[in-house]
Structure formats: structure tokens, C-alpha cells
């Protein structure tokens, strides 16, 4: 079996004295879309911050292409080929769209290829080309999300970490953005690690999924199988069962913790 491009083993990360993730382990196969599901406060964002170097784990390892990267500075992690699209977009509001995109390529010296990649992201998101000279802070929420994804893509990453790309967006925009995420994965071969509360959308595009509850992985399977599990249907997809069967599943879910 091939070595996964990204692998976390028993990572524990704290906010001060509070343990946010507890012995979390997962693998991401090269070229795949892997999703981490969980409710607010489950630790999903902490997982991504630990992978990209924004937070250091107190225990455990994070390996990228077989090399341990835990406690490595975020800029070095990015240069290795991991781009992070944080929750809340975090574009540079006073820079233009074009300047934001060029910031994504600031480590690169291949000017001709950077120009080609700029045209590629404009092909994915034509609205960004139309707003290329507009300040990023004046874009809509959906346009800022498109810009954040495109800026990360300008680094030519091997792996993209996406934190809640659907947050605060209309259903149509969510579909449009996830369509592009799939295209980026399929057409450019970029591996995707996706943290998402919209379980329906995440499971529809993902290859493999992990369920995080109170800082622990409590379930892992292919997305095709996860979407058929009764607990996932009820608690993440909103498909509720009635009567004794539903009561049994609720009791079972409480034991996850």
C-alpha cells in the first residue's frame, strides 16, 4: 500500500490548559478528497491549524510525503506544498484582487508560470477577473471565498486545507464553489483535506471521511459508506428516524464521547 501524502498520528493540541484534539490520527491519500465532519467546537479547525504549523501539537506527529513537519514554521510548511484556506476567508482587504492572488505566489520565481496560473484561476472564477483591480475588502462573501481558494492555488500546492468553505454562503454559491473544488482536485491533481459542517455537500464530493466529536475521531469510512450510516443520516444530514430505533441511536451516539 502506498504511503499517504499526509498522515497524522495521535496528535494532541491544546489551547492553554484545554486539550482541543485528543489523540487524533488520520491519513490522506494522494489525489483524494478527504473530509473531516463535526459540529462546532469538535476540533476541526484545530486539526488544520496543527497540520499547517499555525499550532504545535504537544504530542503526536504530522508527516507530509513521509517527512515529519509538526512544529515546523507555517511558511516552511507552505513551501513544502501545503496551502491553508482558513475559516473566514482572511483576504487582504486593502489590496486588489490581483495583488491578493500574486501574494499567493510570493515564494515562486517562475514569472511566466505564475501568469499562466493567474489565467487558470480566472478561468475557474471569472468574477475575479472582472474584479481584478477592485479592493478585496469590497467583494461579497462568496467572492472573497473564491479569492481565498484562488490565492492558495497560486502557490501550486500539492495539498490544500480548506476550512468551512461553505460558511455563510447561499446554497447556489456553495454548489458553485464545491464544483470548482472538485475540478481543482481532478484537473490539477491537488489533494484536498476539507473541514466542513455541510455534511451533505462534503460527503457528496469526498472520497473518505472522518467524524470528529469533542476532539476525537469516532468514525472513519469511505464517504459512500458514511452517507448510508444511520447515525450520520440523523445527526449530520438531518434525516431523523422516529420511535425506538431513533432512541437507540441517540443512546449509541452518546457513547461516542
C-alpha atoms as a PDB file:
ATOM      1  CA  UNK A   1       0.000   0.000   0.000  1.00  0.00           C
ATOM      2  CA  UNK A   2       1.355   3.415  -0.973  1.00  0.00           C
ATOM      3  CA  UNK A   3       2.399   5.824   1.755  1.00  0.00           C
ATOM      4  CA  UNK A   4      -0.251   8.557   2.226  1.00  0.00           C
ATOM      5  CA  UNK A   5       0.792  12.059   1.205  1.00  0.00           C
ATOM      6  CA  UNK A   6      -0.380  13.374   4.607  1.00  0.00           C
ATOM      7  CA  UNK A   7      -0.581  11.426   7.854  1.00  0.00           C
ATOM      8  CA  UNK A   8      -1.357  12.491  11.412  1.00  0.00           C
ATOM      9  CA  UNK A   9      -0.630  10.083  14.255  1.00  0.00           C
ATOM     10  CA  UNK A  10      -2.029  10.524  17.779  1.00  0.00           C
ATOM     11  CA  UNK A  11      -1.829  14.326  17.730  1.00  0.00           C
ATOM     12  CA  UNK A  12      -2.861  16.255  20.832  1.00  0.00           C
ATOM     13  CA  UNK A  13      -3.118  20.045  20.631  1.00  0.00           C
ATOM     14  CA  UNK A  14      -4.030  22.441  23.445  1.00  0.00           C
ATOM     15  CA  UNK A  15      -5.387  25.955  23.853  1.00  0.00           C
ATOM     16  CA  UNK A  16      -3.612  26.840  27.073  1.00  0.00           C
ATOM     17  CA  UNK A  17      -4.599  24.123  29.568  1.00  0.00           C
ATOM     18  CA  UNK A  18      -7.524  22.890  27.432  1.00  0.00           C
ATOM     19  CA  UNK A  19      -6.956  19.891  25.168  1.00  0.00           C
ATOM     20  CA  UNK A  20      -8.677  20.650  21.857  1.00  0.00           C
ATOM     21  CA  UNK A  21      -7.863  17.446  19.981  1.00  0.00           C
ATOM     22  CA  UNK A  22      -7.193  14.151  21.709  1.00  0.00           C
ATOM     23  CA  UNK A  23      -5.051  11.504  20.056  1.00  0.00           C
ATOM     24  CA  UNK A  24      -6.321  12.243  16.545  1.00  0.00           C
ATOM     25  CA  UNK A  25      -4.987  10.045  13.735  1.00  0.00           C
ATOM     26  CA  UNK A  26      -5.897  10.154  10.052  1.00  0.00           C
ATOM     27  CA  UNK A  27      -4.439   9.595   6.592  1.00  0.00           C
ATOM     28  CA  UNK A  28      -4.918  11.426   3.300  1.00  0.00           C
ATOM     29  CA  UNK A  29      -4.145   9.549   0.091  1.00  0.00           C
ATOM     30  CA  UNK A  30      -2.507  11.498  -2.724  1.00  0.00           C
ATOM     31  CA  UNK A  31      -5.043  12.828  -5.227  1.00  0.00           C
ATOM     32  CA  UNK A  32      -8.035  12.268  -2.942  1.00  0.00           C
ATOM     33  CA  UNK A  33     -10.615  14.491  -1.259  1.00  0.00           C
ATOM     34  CA  UNK A  34     -10.804  13.675   2.457  1.00  0.00           C
ATOM     35  CA  UNK A  35     -13.332  15.364   4.692  1.00  0.00           C
ATOM     36  CA  UNK A  36     -13.469  15.844   8.460  1.00  0.00           C
ATOM     37  CA  UNK A  37     -17.005  16.272   9.762  1.00  0.00           C
ATOM     38  CA  UNK A  38     -18.066  17.524  13.147  1.00  0.00           C
ATOM     39  CA  UNK A  39     -20.164  20.065  14.989  1.00  0.00           C
ATOM     40  CA  UNK A  40     -18.976  23.446  16.252  1.00  0.00           C
ATOM     41  CA  UNK A  41     -16.243  23.040  18.825  1.00  0.00           C
ATOM     42  CA  UNK A  42     -15.378  19.474  17.789  1.00  0.00           C
ATOM     43  CA  UNK A  43     -11.785  20.473  16.974  1.00  0.00           C
ATOM     44  CA  UNK A  44     -11.896  20.508  13.174  1.00  0.00           C
ATOM     45  CA  UNK A  45     -10.167  23.872  12.737  1.00  0.00           C
ATOM     46  CA  UNK A  46      -7.533  22.898  15.298  1.00  0.00           C
ATOM     47  CA  UNK A  47      -6.681  19.845  13.208  1.00  0.00           C
ATOM     48  CA  UNK A  48      -5.986  22.005  10.151  1.00  0.00           C
ATOM     49  CA  UNK A  49      -4.014  24.559  12.174  1.00  0.00           C
ATOM     50  CA  UNK A  50      -1.890  21.747  13.576  1.00  0.00           C
ATOM     51  CA  UNK A  51      -1.213  20.324  10.118  1.00  0.00           C
ATOM     52  CA  UNK A  52      -0.180  23.673   8.609  1.00  0.00           C
ATOM     53  CA  UNK A  53       2.018  24.729  11.545  1.00  0.00           C
ATOM     54  CA  UNK A  54      -0.114  27.532  12.977  1.00  0.00           C
ATOM     55  CA  UNK A  55      -0.436  25.456  16.170  1.00  0.00           C
ATOM     56  CA  UNK A  56       2.069  22.976  17.583  1.00  0.00           C
ATOM     57  CA  UNK A  57       0.909  19.608  18.900  1.00  0.00           C
ATOM     58  CA  UNK A  58       2.041  18.675  22.394  1.00  0.00           C
ATOM     59  CA  UNK A  59       2.094  15.025  21.341  1.00  0.00           C
ATOM     60  CA  UNK A  60       1.999  13.033  18.117  1.00  0.00           C
ATOM     61  CA  UNK A  61       3.349  13.510  14.625  1.00  0.00           C
ATOM     62  CA  UNK A  62       2.278  15.048  11.318  1.00  0.00           C
ATOM     63  CA  UNK A  63       4.037  13.644   8.253  1.00  0.00           C
ATOM     64  CA  UNK A  64       3.942  15.086   4.733  1.00  0.00           C
ATOM     65  CA  UNK A  65       5.356  12.881   1.985  1.00  0.00           C
ATOM     66  CA  UNK A  66       6.978  10.777   4.700  1.00  0.00           C
ATOM     67  CA  UNK A  67       8.688  13.742   6.407  1.00  0.00           C
ATOM     68  CA  UNK A  68       7.656  14.866   9.881  1.00  0.00           C
ATOM     69  CA  UNK A  69       6.530  18.511   9.842  1.00  0.00           C
ATOM     70  CA  UNK A  70       4.970  19.060  13.287  1.00  0.00           C
ATOM     71  CA  UNK A  71       6.296  22.225  14.936  1.00  0.00           C
ATOM     72  CA  UNK A  72       7.661  23.447  11.608  1.00  0.00           C
ATOM     73  CA  UNK A  73       7.050  27.159  10.849  1.00  0.00           C
ATOM     74  CA  UNK A  74       3.926  27.723   8.707  1.00  0.00           C
ATOM     75  CA  UNK A  75       5.871  29.404   5.868  1.00  0.00           C
ATOM     76  CA  UNK A  76       8.133  26.344   5.603  1.00  0.00           C
ATOM     77  CA  UNK A  77       5.117  24.031   5.580  1.00  0.00           C
ATOM     78  CA  UNK A  78       3.645  26.110   2.768  1.00  0.00           C
ATOM     79  CA  UNK A  79       6.890  25.957   0.768  1.00  0.00           C
ATOM     80  CA  UNK A  80       6.795  22.156   1.027  1.00  0.00           C
ATOM     81  CA  UNK A  81       3.439  22.195  -0.765  1.00  0.00           C
ATOM     82  CA  UNK A  82       0.601  22.631   1.756  1.00  0.00           C
ATOM     83  CA  UNK A  83      -1.720  25.624   1.326  1.00  0.00           C
ATOM     84  CA  UNK A  84      -4.263  26.560   4.004  1.00  0.00           C
ATOM     85  CA  UNK A  85      -7.552  28.353   3.257  1.00  0.00           C
ATOM     86  CA  UNK A  86      -8.679  29.420   6.748  1.00  0.00           C
ATOM     87  CA  UNK A  87     -12.214  29.803   8.007  1.00  0.00           C
ATOM     88  CA  UNK A  88     -13.469  33.339   7.442  1.00  0.00           C
ATOM     89  CA  UNK A  89     -11.516  33.868   4.169  1.00  0.00           C
ATOM     90  CA  UNK A  90      -8.946  36.339   5.604  1.00  0.00           C
ATOM     91  CA  UNK A  91      -8.132  38.105   2.350  1.00  0.00           C
ATOM     92  CA  UNK A  92      -6.012  41.259   2.356  1.00  0.00           C
ATOM     93  CA  UNK A  93      -8.878  43.790   2.284  1.00  0.00           C
ATOM     94  CA  UNK A  94      -6.922  46.843   1.114  1.00  0.00           C
ATOM     95  CA  UNK A  95      -5.101  45.045  -1.690  1.00  0.00           C
ATOM     96  CA  UNK A  96      -6.707  44.455  -5.064  1.00  0.00           C
ATOM     97  CA  UNK A  97      -7.914  41.044  -6.165  1.00  0.00           C
ATOM     98  CA  UNK A  98      -4.906  40.740  -8.475  1.00  0.00           C
ATOM     99  CA  UNK A  99      -2.495  41.718  -5.688  1.00  0.00           C
ATOM    100  CA  UNK A 100      -4.075  39.152  -3.356  1.00  0.00           C
ATOM    101  CA  UNK A 101      -3.568  36.467  -5.973  1.00  0.00           C
ATOM    102  CA  UNK A 102       0.049  37.450  -6.510  1.00  0.00           C
ATOM    103  CA  UNK A 103       0.581  37.255  -2.743  1.00  0.00           C
ATOM    104  CA  UNK A 104      -0.316  33.580  -3.035  1.00  0.00           C
ATOM    105  CA  UNK A 105       2.650  33.127  -5.386  1.00  0.00           C
ATOM    106  CA  UNK A 106       5.138  35.205  -3.401  1.00  0.00           C
ATOM    107  CA  UNK A 107       7.551  32.278  -2.914  1.00  0.00           C
ATOM    108  CA  UNK A 108       7.682  31.497  -6.628  1.00  0.00           C
ATOM    109  CA  UNK A 109      10.229  32.813  -9.122  1.00  0.00           C
ATOM    110  CA  UNK A 110       8.714  31.374 -12.332  1.00  0.00           C
ATOM    111  CA  UNK A 111       7.028  34.556 -13.553  1.00  0.00           C
ATOM    112  CA  UNK A 112       5.707  33.070 -16.797  1.00  0.00           C
ATOM    113  CA  UNK A 113       4.104  30.137 -14.970  1.00  0.00           C
ATOM    114  CA  UNK A 114       2.637  32.485 -12.348  1.00  0.00           C
ATOM    115  CA  UNK A 115       0.991  34.448 -15.174  1.00  0.00           C
ATOM    116  CA  UNK A 116      -0.438  31.202 -16.587  1.00  0.00           C
ATOM    117  CA  UNK A 117      -1.758  30.183 -13.196  1.00  0.00           C
ATOM    118  CA  UNK A 118      -3.376  33.592 -12.831  1.00  0.00           C
ATOM    119  CA  UNK A 119      -5.282  32.961 -16.063  1.00  0.00           C
ATOM    120  CA  UNK A 120      -6.216  29.490 -14.805  1.00  0.00           C
ATOM    121  CA  UNK A 121      -7.808  30.793 -11.613  1.00  0.00           C
ATOM    122  CA  UNK A 122      -9.622  33.465 -13.620  1.00  0.00           C
ATOM    123  CA  UNK A 123     -10.973  30.567 -15.700  1.00  0.00           C
ATOM    124  CA  UNK A 124     -12.269  28.882 -12.553  1.00  0.00           C
ATOM    125  CA  UNK A 125     -13.720  32.110 -11.151  1.00  0.00           C
ATOM    126  CA  UNK A 126     -14.437  34.608 -13.980  1.00  0.00           C
ATOM    127  CA  UNK A 127     -15.899  37.091 -11.486  1.00  0.00           C
ATOM    128  CA  UNK A 128     -12.408  37.565 -10.042  1.00  0.00           C
ATOM    129  CA  UNK A 129     -11.088  38.604 -13.426  1.00  0.00           C
ATOM    130  CA  UNK A 130     -13.900  41.145 -13.722  1.00  0.00           C
ATOM    131  CA  UNK A 131     -12.975  42.467 -10.263  1.00  0.00           C
ATOM    132  CA  UNK A 132      -9.191  42.127 -10.660  1.00  0.00           C
ATOM    133  CA  UNK A 133      -8.459  45.775  -9.826  1.00  0.00           C
ATOM    134  CA  UNK A 134     -11.097  46.068  -7.109  1.00  0.00           C
ATOM    135  CA  UNK A 135     -10.164  46.064  -3.428  1.00  0.00           C
ATOM    136  CA  UNK A 136     -10.677  42.616  -1.956  1.00  0.00           C
ATOM    137  CA  UNK A 137     -12.473  44.041   1.079  1.00  0.00           C
ATOM    138  CA  UNK A 138     -15.278  45.306  -1.146  1.00  0.00           C
ATOM    139  CA  UNK A 139     -16.098  41.850  -2.541  1.00  0.00           C
ATOM    140  CA  UNK A 140     -19.103  39.849  -1.414  1.00  0.00           C
ATOM    141  CA  UNK A 141     -18.605  36.954   0.984  1.00  0.00           C
ATOM    142  CA  UNK A 142     -18.816  34.427  -1.820  1.00  0.00           C
ATOM    143  CA  UNK A 143     -16.337  36.348  -3.965  1.00  0.00           C
ATOM    144  CA  UNK A 144     -13.915  36.570  -1.030  1.00  0.00           C
ATOM    145  CA  UNK A 145     -14.160  32.794  -0.597  1.00  0.00           C
ATOM    146  CA  UNK A 146     -13.364  32.348  -4.279  1.00  0.00           C
ATOM    147  CA  UNK A 147     -10.402  34.676  -3.865  1.00  0.00           C
ATOM    148  CA  UNK A 148      -9.093  32.823  -0.796  1.00  0.00           C
ATOM    149  CA  UNK A 149      -9.204  29.485  -2.643  1.00  0.00           C
ATOM    150  CA  UNK A 150      -7.592  31.004  -5.733  1.00  0.00           C
ATOM    151  CA  UNK A 151      -4.831  32.674  -3.693  1.00  0.00           C
ATOM    152  CA  UNK A 152      -3.967  29.298  -2.145  1.00  0.00           C
ATOM    153  CA  UNK A 153      -3.961  27.711  -5.597  1.00  0.00           C
ATOM    154  CA  UNK A 154      -1.439  30.280  -6.836  1.00  0.00           C
ATOM    155  CA  UNK A 155       1.194  28.613  -4.621  1.00  0.00           C
ATOM    156  CA  UNK A 156       0.833  25.436  -6.726  1.00  0.00           C
ATOM    157  CA  UNK A 157       0.172  23.282  -3.666  1.00  0.00           C
ATOM    158  CA  UNK A 158       0.212  19.515  -3.529  1.00  0.00           C
ATOM    159  CA  UNK A 159      -2.324  19.611  -0.688  1.00  0.00           C
ATOM    160  CA  UNK A 160      -4.980  22.236   0.079  1.00  0.00           C
ATOM    161  CA  UNK A 161      -6.513  22.514   3.554  1.00  0.00           C
ATOM    162  CA  UNK A 162      -9.998  24.013   3.271  1.00  0.00           C
ATOM    163  CA  UNK A 163     -11.716  25.204   6.451  1.00  0.00           C
ATOM    164  CA  UNK A 164     -15.506  25.617   6.121  1.00  0.00           C
ATOM    165  CA  UNK A 165     -15.596  26.923   2.517  1.00  0.00           C
ATOM    166  CA  UNK A 166     -19.420  26.952   2.589  1.00  0.00           C
ATOM    167  CA  UNK A 167     -19.713  29.094   5.728  1.00  0.00           C
ATOM    168  CA  UNK A 168     -22.219  31.919   5.328  1.00  0.00           C
ATOM    169  CA  UNK A 169     -22.838  31.345   1.611  1.00  0.00           C
ATOM    170  CA  UNK A 170     -26.066  30.826  -0.312  1.00  0.00           C
ATOM    171  CA  UNK A 171     -26.882  27.282  -1.488  1.00  0.00           C
ATOM    172  CA  UNK A 172     -26.115  28.200  -5.104  1.00  0.00           C
ATOM    173  CA  UNK A 173     -22.727  29.676  -4.230  1.00  0.00           C
ATOM    174  CA  UNK A 174     -21.924  26.624  -2.097  1.00  0.00           C
ATOM    175  CA  UNK A 175     -22.631  24.360  -5.070  1.00  0.00           C
ATOM    176  CA  UNK A 176     -20.561  26.542  -7.409  1.00  0.00           C
ATOM    177  CA  UNK A 177     -17.575  26.584  -5.048  1.00  0.00           C
ATOM    178  CA  UNK A 178     -17.694  22.848  -4.419  1.00  0.00           C
ATOM    179  CA  UNK A 179     -17.882  22.217  -8.163  1.00  0.00           C
ATOM    180  CA  UNK A 180     -14.631  24.170  -8.526  1.00  0.00           C
ATOM    181  CA  UNK A 181     -13.032  22.325  -5.585  1.00  0.00           C
ATOM    182  CA  UNK A 182     -13.742  19.054  -7.391  1.00  0.00           C
ATOM    183  CA  UNK A 183     -12.319  20.455 -10.640  1.00  0.00           C
ATOM    184  CA  UNK A 184      -9.146  21.585  -8.853  1.00  0.00           C
ATOM    185  CA  UNK A 185      -8.769  18.077  -7.450  1.00  0.00           C
ATOM    186  CA  UNK A 186      -9.495  16.254 -10.710  1.00  0.00           C
ATOM    187  CA  UNK A 187      -7.846  18.589 -13.217  1.00  0.00           C
ATOM    188  CA  UNK A 188      -4.809  19.726 -11.257  1.00  0.00           C
ATOM    189  CA  UNK A 189      -4.291  16.689  -9.059  1.00  0.00           C
ATOM    190  CA  UNK A 190      -4.396  18.733  -5.853  1.00  0.00           C
ATOM    191  CA  UNK A 191      -5.133  16.630  -2.779  1.00  0.00           C
ATOM    192  CA  UNK A 192      -7.870  18.170  -0.620  1.00  0.00           C
ATOM    193  CA  UNK A 193      -8.341  17.941   3.165  1.00  0.00           C
ATOM    194  CA  UNK A 194     -11.736  19.502   3.778  1.00  0.00           C
ATOM    195  CA  UNK A 195     -13.254  20.577   7.096  1.00  0.00           C
ATOM    196  CA  UNK A 196     -16.946  21.225   6.640  1.00  0.00           C
ATOM    197  CA  UNK A 197     -20.212  21.446   8.591  1.00  0.00           C
ATOM    198  CA  UNK A 198     -22.274  20.974   5.428  1.00  0.00           C
ATOM    199  CA  UNK A 199     -22.074  17.189   5.662  1.00  0.00           C
ATOM    200  CA  UNK A 200     -24.315  16.608   2.657  1.00  0.00           C
ATOM    201  CA  UNK A 201     -22.015  18.540   0.348  1.00  0.00           C
ATOM    202  CA  UNK A 202     -18.795  17.244   1.891  1.00  0.00           C
ATOM    203  CA  UNK A 203     -19.849  13.602   1.634  1.00  0.00           C
ATOM    204  CA  UNK A 204     -21.057  14.074  -1.937  1.00  0.00           C
ATOM    205  CA  UNK A 205     -17.620  15.222  -3.150  1.00  0.00           C
ATOM    206  CA  UNK A 206     -15.305  13.351  -0.756  1.00  0.00           C
ATOM    207  CA  UNK A 207     -13.582  10.004  -1.165  1.00  0.00           C
ATOM    208  CA  UNK A 208     -13.010   9.261   2.517  1.00  0.00           C
ATOM    209  CA  UNK A 209     -14.300  10.843   5.694  1.00  0.00           C
ATOM    210  CA  UNK A 210     -13.625  11.122   9.411  1.00  0.00           C
ATOM    211  CA  UNK A 211     -16.133  12.170  12.081  1.00  0.00           C
ATOM    212  CA  UNK A 212     -14.708  14.252  14.929  1.00  0.00           C
ATOM    213  CA  UNK A 213     -16.566  14.527  18.242  1.00  0.00           C
ATOM    214  CA  UNK A 214     -15.167  16.510  21.195  1.00  0.00           C
ATOM    215  CA  UNK A 215     -11.640  16.314  19.856  1.00  0.00           C
ATOM    216  CA  UNK A 216     -11.654  12.596  18.995  1.00  0.00           C
ATOM    217  CA  UNK A 217     -12.130  10.646  15.780  1.00  0.00           C
ATOM    218  CA  UNK A 218     -15.198   8.473  16.414  1.00  0.00           C
ATOM    219  CA  UNK A 219     -15.894   7.159  12.933  1.00  0.00           C
ATOM    220  CA  UNK A 220     -13.995   6.721   9.670  1.00  0.00           C
ATOM    221  CA  UNK A 221     -15.031   5.204   6.343  1.00  0.00           C
ATOM    222  CA  UNK A 222     -15.452   5.950   2.668  1.00  0.00           C
ATOM    223  CA  UNK A 223     -17.865   8.819   2.080  1.00  0.00           C
ATOM    224  CA  UNK A 224     -20.134   6.481   0.113  1.00  0.00           C
ATOM    225  CA  UNK A 225     -20.491   4.261   3.188  1.00  0.00           C
ATOM    226  CA  UNK A 226     -20.660   7.089   5.725  1.00  0.00           C
ATOM    227  CA  UNK A 227     -23.631   8.657   3.967  1.00  0.00           C
ATOM    228  CA  UNK A 228     -25.556   5.388   4.456  1.00  0.00           C
ATOM    229  CA  UNK A 229     -24.873   5.091   8.193  1.00  0.00           C
ATOM    230  CA  UNK A 230     -27.913   5.792  10.345  1.00  0.00           C
ATOM    231  CA  UNK A 231     -26.032   7.994  12.842  1.00  0.00           C
ATOM    232  CA  UNK A 232     -24.680  10.170  10.029  1.00  0.00           C
ATOM    233  CA  UNK A 233     -28.101  10.421   8.397  1.00  0.00           C
ATOM    234  CA  UNK A 234     -29.751  11.532  11.616  1.00  0.00           C
ATOM    235  CA  UNK A 235     -27.183  13.798  13.225  1.00  0.00           C
ATOM    236  CA  UNK A 236     -25.384  15.277  10.208  1.00  0.00           C
ATOM    237  CA  UNK A 237     -27.808  15.008   7.283  1.00  0.00           C
ATOM    238  CA  UNK A 238     -30.992  15.806   9.234  1.00  0.00           C
ATOM    239  CA  UNK A 239     -32.762  12.575   8.270  1.00  0.00           C
ATOM    240  CA  UNK A 240     -34.453  11.636  11.518  1.00  0.00           C
ATOM    241  CA  UNK A 241     -35.953   8.333  12.495  1.00  0.00           C
ATOM    242  CA  UNK A 242     -38.815   8.059  14.951  1.00  0.00           C
ATOM    243  CA  UNK A 243     -39.555   5.749  17.841  1.00  0.00           C
ATOM    244  CA  UNK A 244     -37.430   3.115  19.487  1.00  0.00           C
ATOM    245  CA  UNK A 245     -34.814   2.899  16.709  1.00  0.00           C
ATOM    246  CA  UNK A 246     -34.146   6.612  16.959  1.00  0.00           C
ATOM    247  CA  UNK A 247     -33.857   6.369  20.742  1.00  0.00           C
ATOM    248  CA  UNK A 248     -31.348   3.525  20.445  1.00  0.00           C
ATOM    249  CA  UNK A 249     -29.197   5.538  18.057  1.00  0.00           C
ATOM    250  CA  UNK A 250     -29.255   8.544  20.378  1.00  0.00           C
ATOM    251  CA  UNK A 251     -28.016   6.381  23.238  1.00  0.00           C
ATOM    252  CA  UNK A 252     -25.350   4.943  20.958  1.00  0.00           C
ATOM    253  CA  UNK A 253     -24.195   8.396  19.888  1.00  0.00           C
ATOM    254  CA  UNK A 254     -23.740   9.479  23.499  1.00  0.00           C
ATOM    255  CA  UNK A 255     -21.269   6.619  23.932  1.00  0.00           C
ATOM    256  CA  UNK A 256     -19.029   8.112  21.177  1.00  0.00           C
ATOM    257  CA  UNK A 257     -17.775  10.588  23.724  1.00  0.00           C
END
